[in-house]
Amino acid sequence: MSARTVTVVTRNGIKATVTEPSWCTADHPQGIYLADVSHRGDPIEVKLQDGTVLASAELAQWPYSSRNPLPIMSVDLDTDETEHDDEQLQELASKLLTFAALVVPELRVRLAAAIEEATR
């Protein structure tokens, strides 16, 4: 499989050809600084019974960043709701255990594969 590329015109008018990792599903806006070019993968979500997203995670990468150009896993835990009855606390505990036991290992596998791809 050949690598996909996109052309990004930076804020200062430079045309840059950016190689897309296989997992990237993001659009790449024009007119930004090269250091702000990012790749993002499809999110994985853990939802409560009412459909509320408890946690989500996605692969992310800023390949031209001087700080860390390798892929990372961006994790967002919803902490807005702080009042729970006993049943809701039980559901919350179950979902957090599921996230820790099932989702985090999958995130680590995806992250390792993305880092391997980035360092080839």
PDB file of N, CA and C in Angstrom:
ATOM      1  N   MET A   1       0.845  -1.174   0.000  1.00  0.00           N
ATOM      2  CA  MET A   1       0.000   0.000   0.000  1.00  0.00           C
ATOM      3  C   MET A   1       0.891   1.238   0.000  1.00  0.00           C
ATOM      4  N   SER A   2       0.651   2.151  -0.902  1.00  0.00           N
ATOM      5  CA  SER A   2       1.454   3.364  -0.949  1.00  0.00           C
ATOM      6  C   SER A   2       0.887   4.385   0.034  1.00  0.00           C
ATOM      7  N   ALA A   3       1.774   5.225   0.537  1.00  0.00           N
ATOM      8  CA  ALA A   3       1.373   6.234   1.509  1.00  0.00           C
ATOM      9  C   ALA A   3       0.514   7.298   0.836  1.00  0.00           C
ATOM     10  N   ARG A   4      -0.483   7.753   1.543  1.00  0.00           N
ATOM     11  CA  ARG A   4      -1.300   8.858   1.064  1.00  0.00           C
ATOM     12  C   ARG A   4      -0.605  10.159   1.418  1.00  0.00           C
ATOM     13  N   THR A   5      -0.747  11.134   0.570  1.00  0.00           N
ATOM     14  CA  THR A   5      -0.199  12.451   0.870  1.00  0.00           C
ATOM     15  C   THR A   5      -1.253  13.510   0.615  1.00  0.00           C
ATOM     16  N   VAL A   6      -1.138  14.611   1.333  1.00  0.00           N
ATOM     17  CA  VAL A   6      -1.989  15.772   1.108  1.00  0.00           C
ATOM     18  C   VAL A   6      -1.081  16.994   1.024  1.00  0.00           C
ATOM     19  N   THR A   7      -1.521  17.987   0.287  1.00  0.00           N
ATOM     20  CA  THR A   7      -0.775  19.229   0.200  1.00  0.00           C
ATOM     21  C   THR A   7      -1.452  20.257   1.089  1.00  0.00           C
ATOM     22  N   VAL A   8      -0.662  20.854   1.946  1.00  0.00           N
ATOM     23  CA  VAL A   8      -1.152  21.886   2.853  1.00  0.00           C
ATOM     24  C   VAL A   8      -0.445  23.186   2.503  1.00  0.00           C
ATOM     25  N   VAL A   9      -1.219  24.249   2.339  1.00  0.00           N
ATOM     26  CA  VAL A   9      -0.635  25.568   2.129  1.00  0.00           C
ATOM     27  C   VAL A   9      -0.604  26.243   3.494  1.00  0.00           C
ATOM     28  N   THR A  10       0.604  26.537   3.968  1.00  0.00           N
ATOM     29  CA  THR A  10       0.756  27.087   5.310  1.00  0.00           C
ATOM     30  C   THR A  10       0.369  28.557   5.369  1.00  0.00           C
ATOM     31  N   ARG A  11       0.292  29.072   6.564  1.00  0.00           N
ATOM     32  CA  ARG A  11      -0.094  30.467   6.794  1.00  0.00           C
ATOM     33  C   ARG A  11       0.828  31.436   6.072  1.00  0.00           C
ATOM     34  N   ASN A  12       2.109  31.069   5.959  1.00  0.00           N
ATOM     35  CA  ASN A  12       3.056  31.949   5.267  1.00  0.00           C
ATOM     36  C   ASN A  12       3.208  31.591   3.789  1.00  0.00           C
ATOM     37  N   GLY A  13       2.242  30.820   3.244  1.00  0.00           N
ATOM     38  CA  GLY A  13       2.186  30.568   1.811  1.00  0.00           C
ATOM     39  C   GLY A  13       3.048  29.440   1.292  1.00  0.00           C
ATOM     40  N   ILE A  14       3.673  28.687   2.162  1.00  0.00           N
ATOM     41  CA  ILE A  14       4.515  27.571   1.733  1.00  0.00           C
ATOM     42  C   ILE A  14       3.637  26.346   1.485  1.00  0.00           C
ATOM     43  N   LYS A  15       3.855  25.683   0.344  1.00  0.00           N
ATOM     44  CA  LYS A  15       3.152  24.431   0.056  1.00  0.00           C
ATOM     45  C   LYS A  15       3.964  23.288   0.650  1.00  0.00           C
ATOM     46  N   ALA A  16       3.320  22.489   1.487  1.00  0.00           N
ATOM     47  CA  ALA A  16       3.985  21.352   2.116  1.00  0.00           C
ATOM     48  C   ALA A  16       3.225  20.081   1.780  1.00  0.00           C
ATOM     49  N   THR A  17       3.962  19.052   1.396  1.00  0.00           N
ATOM     50  CA  THR A  17       3.360  17.750   1.158  1.00  0.00           C
ATOM     51  C   THR A  17       3.470  16.952   2.453  1.00  0.00           C
ATOM     52  N   VAL A  18       2.326  16.558   2.970  1.00  0.00           N
ATOM     53  CA  VAL A  18       2.250  15.871   4.257  1.00  0.00           C
ATOM     54  C   VAL A  18       1.878  14.418   4.009  1.00  0.00           C
ATOM     55  N   THR A  19       2.676  13.502   4.546  1.00  0.00           N
ATOM     56  CA  THR A  19       2.374  12.075   4.439  1.00  0.00           C
ATOM     57  C   THR A  19       1.381  11.701   5.526  1.00  0.00           C
ATOM     58  N   GLU A  20       0.301  11.061   5.103  1.00  0.00           N
ATOM     59  CA  GLU A  20      -0.752  10.648   6.015  1.00  0.00           C
ATOM     60  C   GLU A  20      -0.451   9.280   6.610  1.00  0.00           C
ATOM     61  N   PRO A  21      -0.538   9.123   7.931  1.00  0.00           N
ATOM     62  CA  PRO A  21      -0.457   7.777   8.486  1.00  0.00           C
ATOM     63  C   PRO A  21      -1.729   6.999   8.124  1.00  0.00           C
ATOM     64  N   SER A  22      -1.635   5.698   8.140  1.00  0.00           N
ATOM     65  CA  SER A  22      -2.769   4.861   7.725  1.00  0.00           C
ATOM     66  C   SER A  22      -4.012   5.071   8.580  1.00  0.00           C
ATOM     67  N   TRP A  23      -3.852   5.492   9.809  1.00  0.00           N
ATOM     68  CA  TRP A  23      -4.971   5.622  10.745  1.00  0.00           C
ATOM     69  C   TRP A  23      -5.632   7.002  10.718  1.00  0.00           C
ATOM     70  N   CYS A  24      -5.080   7.966  10.005  1.00  0.00           N
ATOM     71  CA  CYS A  24      -5.602   9.337  10.019  1.00  0.00           C
ATOM     72  C   CYS A  24      -6.918   9.433   9.250  1.00  0.00           C
ATOM     73  N   THR A  25      -7.910  10.014   9.900  1.00  0.00           N
ATOM     74  CA  THR A  25      -9.208  10.244   9.264  1.00  0.00           C
ATOM     75  C   THR A  25      -9.588  11.722   9.289  1.00  0.00           C
ATOM     76  N   ALA A  26      -8.658  12.582   9.691  1.00  0.00           N
ATOM     77  CA  ALA A  26      -8.927  14.009   9.858  1.00  0.00           C
ATOM     78  C   ALA A  26      -8.766  14.771   8.554  1.00  0.00           C
ATOM     79  N   ASP A  27      -9.465  15.876   8.471  1.00  0.00           N
ATOM     80  CA  ASP A  27      -9.242  16.838   7.392  1.00  0.00           C
ATOM     81  C   ASP A  27      -8.059  17.705   7.791  1.00  0.00           C
ATOM     82  N   HIS A  28      -7.350  18.222   6.811  1.00  0.00           N
ATOM     83  CA  HIS A  28      -6.193  19.069   7.080  1.00  0.00           C
ATOM     84  C   HIS A  28      -6.496  20.472   6.583  1.00  0.00           C
ATOM     85  N   PRO A  29      -6.755  21.387   7.516  1.00  0.00           N
ATOM     86  CA  PRO A  29      -7.102  22.749   7.098  1.00  0.00           C
ATOM     87  C   PRO A  29      -5.924  23.457   6.450  1.00  0.00           C
ATOM     88  N   GLN A  30      -6.243  24.393   5.620  1.00  0.00           N
ATOM     89  CA  GLN A  30      -5.235  25.215   4.951  1.00  0.00           C
ATOM     90  C   GLN A  30      -4.997  26.479   5.778  1.00  0.00           C
ATOM     91  N   GLY A  31      -3.863  27.121   5.531  1.00  0.00           N
ATOM     92  CA  GLY A  31      -3.595  28.405   6.153  1.00  0.00           C
ATOM     93  C   GLY A  31      -3.191  28.326   7.612  1.00  0.00           C
ATOM     94  N   ILE A  32      -2.599  27.212   8.015  1.00  0.00           N
ATOM     95  CA  ILE A  32      -2.112  27.086   9.384  1.00  0.00           C
ATOM     96  C   ILE A  32      -0.597  26.944   9.342  1.00  0.00           C
ATOM     97  N   TYR A  33       0.033  27.094  10.474  1.00  0.00           N
ATOM     98  CA  TYR A  33       1.472  26.879  10.524  1.00  0.00           C
ATOM     99  C   TYR A  33       1.763  25.394  10.402  1.00  0.00           C
ATOM    100  N   LEU A  34       2.893  25.054   9.816  1.00  0.00           N
ATOM    101  CA  LEU A  34       3.250  23.649   9.615  1.00  0.00           C
ATOM    102  C   LEU A  34       3.274  22.894  10.947  1.00  0.00           C
ATOM    103  N   ALA A  35       3.749  23.527  12.002  1.00  0.00           N
ATOM    104  CA  ALA A  35       3.793  22.878  13.324  1.00  0.00           C
ATOM    105  C   ALA A  35       2.404  22.530  13.844  1.00  0.00           C
ATOM    106  N   ASP A  36       1.355  23.175  13.293  1.00  0.00           N
ATOM    107  CA  ASP A  36      -0.016  22.915  13.735  1.00  0.00           C
ATOM    108  C   ASP A  36      -0.716  21.833  12.924  1.00  0.00           C
ATOM    109  N   VAL A  37      -0.052  21.308  11.892  1.00  0.00           N
ATOM    110  CA  VAL A  37      -0.632  20.206  11.117  1.00  0.00           C
ATOM    111  C   VAL A  37      -0.746  18.997  12.044  1.00  0.00           C
ATOM    112  N   SER A  38      -1.937  18.422  12.094  1.00  0.00           N
ATOM    113  CA  SER A  38      -2.132  17.262  12.970  1.00  0.00           C
ATOM    114  C   SER A  38      -2.850  16.144  12.233  1.00  0.00           C
ATOM    115  N   HIS A  39      -2.643  14.945  12.736  1.00  0.00           N
ATOM    116  CA  HIS A  39      -3.355  13.759  12.271  1.00  0.00           C
ATOM    117  C   HIS A  39      -4.223  13.294  13.437  1.00  0.00           C
ATOM    118  N   ARG A  40      -5.429  12.841  13.139  1.00  0.00           N
ATOM    119  CA  ARG A  40      -6.338  12.311  14.162  1.00  0.00           C
ATOM    120  C   ARG A  40      -7.016  11.066  13.621  1.00  0.00           C
ATOM    121  N   GLY A  41      -7.181  10.094  14.497  1.00  0.00           N
ATOM    122  CA  GLY A  41      -7.865   8.856  14.139  1.00  0.00           C
ATOM    123  C   GLY A  41      -9.314   8.867  14.599  1.00  0.00           C
ATOM    124  N   ASP A  42     -10.035   7.828  14.263  1.00  0.00           N
ATOM    125  CA  ASP A  42     -11.421   7.698  14.712  1.00  0.00           C
ATOM    126  C   ASP A  42     -11.458   7.481  16.224  1.00  0.00           C
ATOM    127  N   PRO A  43     -12.370   8.148  16.917  1.00  0.00           N
ATOM    128  CA  PRO A  43     -12.434   7.974  18.369  1.00  0.00           C
ATOM    129  C   PRO A  43     -13.054   6.641  18.771  1.00  0.00           C
ATOM    130  N   ILE A  44     -12.629   6.176  19.927  1.00  0.00           N
ATOM    131  CA  ILE A  44     -13.256   5.040  20.602  1.00  0.00           C
ATOM    132  C   ILE A  44     -14.010   5.646  21.774  1.00  0.00           C
ATOM    133  N   GLU A  45     -15.287   5.301  21.925  1.00  0.00           N
ATOM    134  CA  GLU A  45     -16.095   5.892  22.987  1.00  0.00           C
ATOM    135  C   GLU A  45     -16.630   4.825  23.935  1.00  0.00           C
ATOM    136  N   VAL A  46     -16.707   5.190  25.215  1.00  0.00           N
ATOM    137  CA  VAL A  46     -17.364   4.380  26.226  1.00  0.00           C
ATOM    138  C   VAL A  46     -18.574   5.189  26.674  1.00  0.00           C
ATOM    139  N   LYS A  47     -19.769   4.608  26.488  1.00  0.00           N
ATOM    140  CA  LYS A  47     -21.008   5.346  26.772  1.00  0.00           C
ATOM    141  C   LYS A  47     -21.759   4.731  27.948  1.00  0.00           C
ATOM    142  N   LEU A  48     -22.467   5.595  28.674  1.00  0.00           N
ATOM    143  CA  LEU A  48     -23.384   5.138  29.709  1.00  0.00           C
ATOM    144  C   LEU A  48     -24.672   4.676  29.029  1.00  0.00           C
ATOM    145  N   GLN A  49     -25.567   4.052  29.802  1.00  0.00           N
ATOM    146  CA  GLN A  49     -26.804   3.522  29.231  1.00  0.00           C
ATOM    147  C   GLN A  49     -27.648   4.592  28.547  1.00  0.00           C
ATOM    148  N   ASP A  50     -27.583   5.822  29.041  1.00  0.00           N
ATOM    149  CA  ASP A  50     -28.399   6.890  28.446  1.00  0.00           C
ATOM    150  C   ASP A  50     -27.743   7.504  27.209  1.00  0.00           C
ATOM    151  N   GLY A  51     -26.606   6.959  26.785  1.00  0.00           N
ATOM    152  CA  GLY A  51     -25.921   7.446  25.602  1.00  0.00           C
ATOM    153  C   GLY A  51     -24.858   8.501  25.874  1.00  0.00           C
ATOM    154  N   THR A  52     -24.754   8.957  27.113  1.00  0.00           N
ATOM    155  CA  THR A  52     -23.734   9.936  27.476  1.00  0.00           C
ATOM    156  C   THR A  52     -22.351   9.316  27.293  1.00  0.00           C
ATOM    157  N   VAL A  53     -21.459  10.051  26.661  1.00  0.00           N
ATOM    158  CA  VAL A  53     -20.093   9.563  26.469  1.00  0.00           C
ATOM    159  C   VAL A  53     -19.320   9.780  27.769  1.00  0.00           C
ATOM    160  N   LEU A  54     -18.911   8.693  28.387  1.00  0.00           N
ATOM    161  CA  LEU A  54     -18.143   8.748  29.623  1.00  0.00           C
ATOM    162  C   LEU A  54     -16.677   9.045  29.328  1.00  0.00           C
ATOM    163  N   ALA A  55     -16.163   8.419  28.291  1.00  0.00           N
ATOM    164  CA  ALA A  55     -14.758   8.603  27.921  1.00  0.00           C
ATOM    165  C   ALA A  55     -14.614   8.376  26.428  1.00  0.00           C
ATOM    166  N   SER A  56     -13.655   9.087  25.849  1.00  0.00           N
ATOM    167  CA  SER A  56     -13.323   8.847  24.454  1.00  0.00           C
ATOM    168  C   SER A  56     -11.816   8.975  24.299  1.00  0.00           C
ATOM    169  N   ALA A  57     -11.297   8.307  23.292  1.00  0.00           N
ATOM    170  CA  ALA A  57      -9.857   8.358  23.035  1.00  0.00           C
ATOM    171  C   ALA A  57      -9.632   8.245  21.541  1.00  0.00           C
ATOM    172  N   GLU A  58      -8.564   8.898  21.077  1.00  0.00           N
ATOM    173  CA  GLU A  58      -8.221   8.826  19.667  1.00  0.00           C
ATOM    174  C   GLU A  58      -6.723   9.014  19.505  1.00  0.00           C
ATOM    175  N   LEU A  59      -6.190   8.393  18.469  1.00  0.00           N
ATOM    176  CA  LEU A  59      -4.800   8.641  18.125  1.00  0.00           C
ATOM    177  C   LEU A  59      -4.676  10.070  17.618  1.00  0.00           C
ATOM    178  N   ALA A  60      -3.562  10.714  17.949  1.00  0.00           N
ATOM    179  CA  ALA A  60      -3.300  12.070  17.483  1.00  0.00           C
ATOM    180  C   ALA A  60      -1.798  12.215  17.249  1.00  0.00           C
ATOM    181  N   GLN A  61      -1.455  13.090  16.329  1.00  0.00           N
ATOM    182  CA  GLN A  61      -0.036  13.327  16.040  1.00  0.00           C
ATOM    183  C   GLN A  61       0.137  14.722  15.446  1.00  0.00           C
ATOM    184  N   TRP A  62       1.168  15.410  15.867  1.00  0.00           N
ATOM    185  CA  TRP A  62       1.602  16.674  15.286  1.00  0.00           C
ATOM    186  C   TRP A  62       2.995  16.405  14.738  1.00  0.00           C
ATOM    187  N   PRO A  63       3.086  15.913  13.485  1.00  0.00           N
ATOM    188  CA  PRO A  63       4.357  15.416  12.955  1.00  0.00           C
ATOM    189  C   PRO A  63       5.451  16.469  12.806  1.00  0.00           C
ATOM    190  N   TYR A  64       5.081  17.751  12.788  1.00  0.00           N
ATOM    191  CA  TYR A  64       6.094  18.797  12.632  1.00  0.00           C
ATOM    192  C   TYR A  64       6.333  19.564  13.926  1.00  0.00           C
ATOM    193  N   SER A  65       5.855  19.018  15.019  1.00  0.00           N
ATOM    194  CA  SER A  65       6.055  19.635  16.324  1.00  0.00           C
ATOM    195  C   SER A  65       7.495  19.413  16.786  1.00  0.00           C
ATOM    196  N   SER A  66       8.082  20.425  17.361  1.00  0.00           N
ATOM    197  CA  SER A  66       9.431  20.264  17.905  1.00  0.00           C
ATOM    198  C   SER A  66       9.385  19.598  19.277  1.00  0.00           C
ATOM    199  N   ARG A  67       8.220  19.576  19.901  1.00  0.00           N
ATOM    200  CA  ARG A  67       8.090  18.994  21.240  1.00  0.00           C
ATOM    201  C   ARG A  67       7.997  17.467  21.208  1.00  0.00           C
ATOM    202  N   ASN A  68       7.068  16.926  20.436  1.00  0.00           N
ATOM    203  CA  ASN A  68       6.900  15.472  20.340  1.00  0.00           C
ATOM    204  C   ASN A  68       6.204  15.150  19.030  1.00  0.00           C
ATOM    205  N   PRO A  69       6.979  14.776  18.005  1.00  0.00           N
ATOM    206  CA  PRO A  69       6.366  14.503  16.703  1.00  0.00           C
ATOM    207  C   PRO A  69       5.755  13.102  16.576  1.00  0.00           C
ATOM    208  N   LEU A  70       5.926  12.246  17.582  1.00  0.00           N
ATOM    209  CA  LEU A  70       5.384  10.882  17.511  1.00  0.00           C
ATOM    210  C   LEU A  70       3.901  10.866  17.899  1.00  0.00           C
ATOM    211  N   PRO A  71       3.180   9.845  17.454  1.00  0.00           N
ATOM    212  CA  PRO A  71       1.764   9.732  17.815  1.00  0.00           C
ATOM    213  C   PRO A  71       1.579   9.610  19.328  1.00  0.00           C
ATOM    214  N   ILE A  72       0.442  10.124  19.789  1.00  0.00           N
ATOM    215  CA  ILE A  72       0.030   9.999  21.184  1.00  0.00           C
ATOM    216  C   ILE A  72      -1.417   9.522  21.196  1.00  0.00           C
ATOM    217  N   MET A  73      -1.900   9.152  22.366  1.00  0.00           N
ATOM    218  CA  MET A  73      -3.302   8.809  22.524  1.00  0.00           C
ATOM    219  C   MET A  73      -3.949   9.944  23.307  1.00  0.00           C
ATOM    220  N   SER A  74      -4.907  10.607  22.697  1.00  0.00           N
ATOM    221  CA  SER A  74      -5.640  11.692  23.341  1.00  0.00           C
ATOM    222  C   SER A  74      -6.867  11.093  24.021  1.00  0.00           C
ATOM    223  N   VAL A  75      -6.946  11.221  25.355  1.00  0.00           N
ATOM    224  CA  VAL A  75      -8.033  10.631  26.133  1.00  0.00           C
ATOM    225  C   VAL A  75      -8.825  11.746  26.800  1.00  0.00           C
ATOM    226  N   ASP A  76     -10.137  11.701  26.652  1.00  0.00           N
ATOM    227  CA  ASP A  76     -11.022  12.692  27.258  1.00  0.00           C
ATOM    228  C   ASP A  76     -11.993  11.959  28.171  1.00  0.00           C
ATOM    229  N   LEU A  77     -11.930  12.266  29.463  1.00  0.00           N
ATOM    230  CA  LEU A  77     -12.866  11.707  30.440  1.00  0.00           C
ATOM    231  C   LEU A  77     -13.890  12.775  30.782  1.00  0.00           C
ATOM    232  N   ASP A  78     -15.178  12.461  30.618  1.00  0.00           N
ATOM    233  CA  ASP A  78     -16.240  13.419  30.912  1.00  0.00           C
ATOM    234  C   ASP A  78     -16.407  13.503  32.421  1.00  0.00           C
ATOM    235  N   THR A  79     -16.179  14.678  32.957  1.00  0.00           N
ATOM    236  CA  THR A  79     -16.304  14.865  34.407  1.00  0.00           C
ATOM    237  C   THR A  79     -17.376  15.888  34.752  1.00  0.00           C
ATOM    238  N   ASP A  80     -18.292  16.155  33.823  1.00  0.00           N
ATOM    239  CA  ASP A  80     -19.320  17.169  34.076  1.00  0.00           C
ATOM    240  C   ASP A  80     -20.332  16.751  35.136  1.00  0.00           C
ATOM    241  N   GLU A  81     -20.775  15.519  35.088  1.00  0.00           N
ATOM    242  CA  GLU A  81     -21.827  15.081  35.993  1.00  0.00           C
ATOM    243  C   GLU A  81     -21.206  14.568  37.287  1.00  0.00           C
ATOM    244  N   THR A  82     -21.602  15.168  38.409  1.00  0.00           N
ATOM    245  CA  THR A  82     -21.001  14.780  39.689  1.00  0.00           C
ATOM    246  C   THR A  82     -21.997  14.193  40.672  1.00  0.00           C
ATOM    247  N   GLU A  83     -23.279  14.165  40.321  1.00  0.00           N
ATOM    248  CA  GLU A  83     -24.296  13.631  41.225  1.00  0.00           C
ATOM    249  C   GLU A  83     -24.825  12.314  40.681  1.00  0.00           C
ATOM    250  N   HIS A  84     -24.756  11.276  41.504  1.00  0.00           N
ATOM    251  CA  HIS A  84     -25.175   9.937  41.076  1.00  0.00           C
ATOM    252  C   HIS A  84     -25.962   9.267  42.198  1.00  0.00           C
ATOM    253  N   ASP A  85     -27.019   8.549  41.831  1.00  0.00           N
ATOM    254  CA  ASP A  85     -27.671   7.694  42.826  1.00  0.00           C
ATOM    255  C   ASP A  85     -26.918   6.363  42.837  1.00  0.00           C
ATOM    256  N   ASP A  86     -27.358   5.442  43.660  1.00  0.00           N
ATOM    257  CA  ASP A  86     -26.633   4.181  43.824  1.00  0.00           C
ATOM    258  C   ASP A  86     -26.523   3.399  42.516  1.00  0.00           C
ATOM    259  N   GLU A  87     -27.609   3.325  41.750  1.00  0.00           N
ATOM    260  CA  GLU A  87     -27.596   2.600  40.478  1.00  0.00           C
ATOM    261  C   GLU A  87     -26.628   3.257  39.484  1.00  0.00           C
ATOM    262  N   GLN A  88     -26.645   4.574  39.439  1.00  0.00           N
ATOM    263  CA  GLN A  88     -25.742   5.293  38.537  1.00  0.00           C
ATOM    264  C   GLN A  88     -24.282   5.132  38.953  1.00  0.00           C
ATOM    265  N   LEU A  89     -24.027   5.085  40.254  1.00  0.00           N
ATOM    266  CA  LEU A  89     -22.661   4.840  40.722  1.00  0.00           C
ATOM    267  C   LEU A  89     -22.183   3.457  40.304  1.00  0.00           C
ATOM    268  N   GLN A  90     -23.068   2.482  40.387  1.00  0.00           N
ATOM    269  CA  GLN A  90     -22.719   1.122  39.974  1.00  0.00           C
ATOM    270  C   GLN A  90     -22.402   1.076  38.486  1.00  0.00           C
ATOM    271  N   GLU A  91     -23.213   1.774  37.675  1.00  0.00           N
ATOM    272  CA  GLU A  91     -22.956   1.825  36.236  1.00  0.00           C
ATOM    273  C   GLU A  91     -21.635   2.538  35.956  1.00  0.00           C
ATOM    274  N   LEU A  92     -21.385   3.640  36.661  1.00  0.00           N
ATOM    275  CA  LEU A  92     -20.136   4.366  36.491  1.00  0.00           C
ATOM    276  C   LEU A  92     -18.946   3.478  36.815  1.00  0.00           C
ATOM    277  N   ALA A  93     -19.023   2.752  37.918  1.00  0.00           N
ATOM    278  CA  ALA A  93     -17.928   1.855  38.302  1.00  0.00           C
ATOM    279  C   ALA A  93     -17.703   0.785  37.237  1.00  0.00           C
ATOM    280  N   SER A  94     -18.780   0.232  36.730  1.00  0.00           N
ATOM    281  CA  SER A  94     -18.675  -0.794  35.699  1.00  0.00           C
ATOM    282  C   SER A  94     -18.014  -0.257  34.434  1.00  0.00           C
ATOM    283  N   LYS A  95     -18.429   0.927  34.009  1.00  0.00           N
ATOM    284  CA  LYS A  95     -17.864   1.518  32.786  1.00  0.00           C
ATOM    285  C   LYS A  95     -16.395   1.885  32.982  1.00  0.00           C
ATOM    286  N   LEU A  96     -16.035   2.408  34.157  1.00  0.00           N
ATOM    287  CA  LEU A  96     -14.631   2.741  34.416  1.00  0.00           C
ATOM    288  C   LEU A  96     -13.765   1.482  34.426  1.00  0.00           C
ATOM    289  N   LEU A  97     -14.281   0.407  35.007  1.00  0.00           N
ATOM    290  CA  LEU A  97     -13.542  -0.859  34.992  1.00  0.00           C
ATOM    291  C   LEU A  97     -13.392  -1.389  33.570  1.00  0.00           C
ATOM    292  N   THR A  98     -14.464  -1.269  32.777  1.00  0.00           N
ATOM    293  CA  THR A  98     -14.401  -1.687  31.379  1.00  0.00           C
ATOM    294  C   THR A  98     -13.367  -0.860  30.627  1.00  0.00           C
ATOM    295  N   PHE A  99     -13.378   0.445  30.851  1.00  0.00           N
ATOM    296  CA  PHE A  99     -12.414   1.326  30.191  1.00  0.00           C
ATOM    297  C   PHE A  99     -10.989   0.912  30.555  1.00  0.00           C
ATOM    298  N   ALA A 100     -10.752   0.680  31.840  1.00  0.00           N
ATOM    299  CA  ALA A 100      -9.409   0.313  32.290  1.00  0.00           C
ATOM    300  C   ALA A 100      -8.992  -1.073  31.799  1.00  0.00           C
ATOM    301  N   ALA A 101      -9.905  -2.018  31.835  1.00  0.00           N
ATOM    302  CA  ALA A 101      -9.552  -3.404  31.514  1.00  0.00           C
ATOM    303  C   ALA A 101      -9.567  -3.720  30.025  1.00  0.00           C
ATOM    304  N   LEU A 102     -10.461  -3.106  29.271  1.00  0.00           N
ATOM    305  CA  LEU A 102     -10.607  -3.458  27.858  1.00  0.00           C
ATOM    306  C   LEU A 102     -10.154  -2.362  26.901  1.00  0.00           C
ATOM    307  N   VAL A 103     -10.537  -1.146  27.180  1.00  0.00           N
ATOM    308  CA  VAL A 103     -10.254  -0.063  26.241  1.00  0.00           C
ATOM    309  C   VAL A 103      -8.793   0.364  26.307  1.00  0.00           C
ATOM    310  N   VAL A 104      -8.245   0.561  27.504  1.00  0.00           N
ATOM    311  CA  VAL A 104      -6.857   1.014  27.614  1.00  0.00           C
ATOM    312  C   VAL A 104      -5.872   0.043  26.946  1.00  0.00           C
ATOM    313  N   PRO A 105      -6.001  -1.270  27.132  1.00  0.00           N
ATOM    314  CA  PRO A 105      -5.090  -2.165  26.395  1.00  0.00           C
ATOM    315  C   PRO A 105      -5.208  -2.014  24.873  1.00  0.00           C
ATOM    316  N   GLU A 106      -6.425  -1.834  24.361  1.00  0.00           N
ATOM    317  CA  GLU A 106      -6.611  -1.620  22.921  1.00  0.00           C
ATOM    318  C   GLU A 106      -5.965  -0.304  22.490  1.00  0.00           C
ATOM    319  N   LEU A 107      -6.102   0.733  23.313  1.00  0.00           N
ATOM    320  CA  LEU A 107      -5.466   2.020  23.005  1.00  0.00           C
ATOM    321  C   LEU A 107      -3.948   1.862  22.946  1.00  0.00           C
ATOM    322  N   ARG A 108      -3.391   1.088  23.854  1.00  0.00           N
ATOM    323  CA  ARG A 108      -1.944   0.884  23.871  1.00  0.00           C
ATOM    324  C   ARG A 108      -1.471   0.141  22.630  1.00  0.00           C
ATOM    325  N   VAL A 109      -2.242  -0.837  22.172  1.00  0.00           N
ATOM    326  CA  VAL A 109      -1.896  -1.572  20.948  1.00  0.00           C
ATOM    327  C   VAL A 109      -1.927  -0.628  19.753  1.00  0.00           C
ATOM    328  N   ARG A 110      -2.986   0.177  19.647  1.00  0.00           N
ATOM    329  CA  ARG A 110      -3.087   1.122  18.536  1.00  0.00           C
ATOM    330  C   ARG A 110      -1.960   2.155  18.574  1.00  0.00           C
ATOM    331  N   LEU A 111      -1.637   2.630  19.767  1.00  0.00           N
ATOM    332  CA  LEU A 111      -0.570   3.610  19.898  1.00  0.00           C
ATOM    333  C   LEU A 111       0.775   3.011  19.497  1.00  0.00           C
ATOM    334  N   ALA A 112       1.061   1.794  19.943  1.00  0.00           N
ATOM    335  CA  ALA A 112       2.321   1.142  19.573  1.00  0.00           C
ATOM    336  C   ALA A 112       2.433   0.964  18.062  1.00  0.00           C
ATOM    337  N   ALA A 113       1.341   0.569  17.417  1.00  0.00           N
ATOM    338  CA  ALA A 113       1.350   0.400  15.963  1.00  0.00           C
ATOM    339  C   ALA A 113       1.558   1.742  15.252  1.00  0.00           C
ATOM    340  N   ALA A 114       0.941   2.797  15.762  1.00  0.00           N
ATOM    341  CA  ALA A 114       1.092   4.122  15.159  1.00  0.00           C
ATOM    342  C   ALA A 114       2.525   4.645  15.314  1.00  0.00           C
ATOM    343  N   ILE A 115       3.126   4.407  16.473  1.00  0.00           N
ATOM    344  CA  ILE A 115       4.518   4.829  16.692  1.00  0.00           C
ATOM    345  C   ILE A 115       5.444   4.045  15.778  1.00  0.00           C
ATOM    346  N   GLU A 116       5.187   2.743  15.649  1.00  0.00           N
ATOM    347  CA  GLU A 116       6.017   1.933  14.743  1.00  0.00           C
ATOM    348  C   GLU A 116       5.915   2.457  13.312  1.00  0.00           C
ATOM    349  N   GLU A 117       4.705   2.756  12.862  1.00  0.00           N
ATOM    350  CA  GLU A 117       4.515   3.293  11.511  1.00  0.00           C
ATOM    351  C   GLU A 117       5.240   4.619  11.348  1.00  0.00           C
ATOM    352  N   ALA A 118       5.185   5.477  12.371  1.00  0.00           N
ATOM    353  CA  ALA A 118       5.804   6.802  12.288  1.00  0.00           C
ATOM    354  C   ALA A 118       7.325   6.745  12.265  1.00  0.00           C
ATOM    355  N   THR A 119       7.887   5.694  12.813  1.00  0.00           N
ATOM    356  CA  THR A 119       9.352   5.625  12.909  1.00  0.00           C
ATOM    357  C   THR A 119       9.972   4.785  11.796  1.00  0.00           C
ATOM    358  N   ARG A 120       9.165   4.304  10.863  1.00  0.00           N
ATOM    359  CA  ARG A 120       9.710   3.552   9.726  1.00  0.00           C
ATOM    360  C   ARG A 120      10.408   4.463   8.760  1.00  0.00           C
TER     361      ARG A 120
END
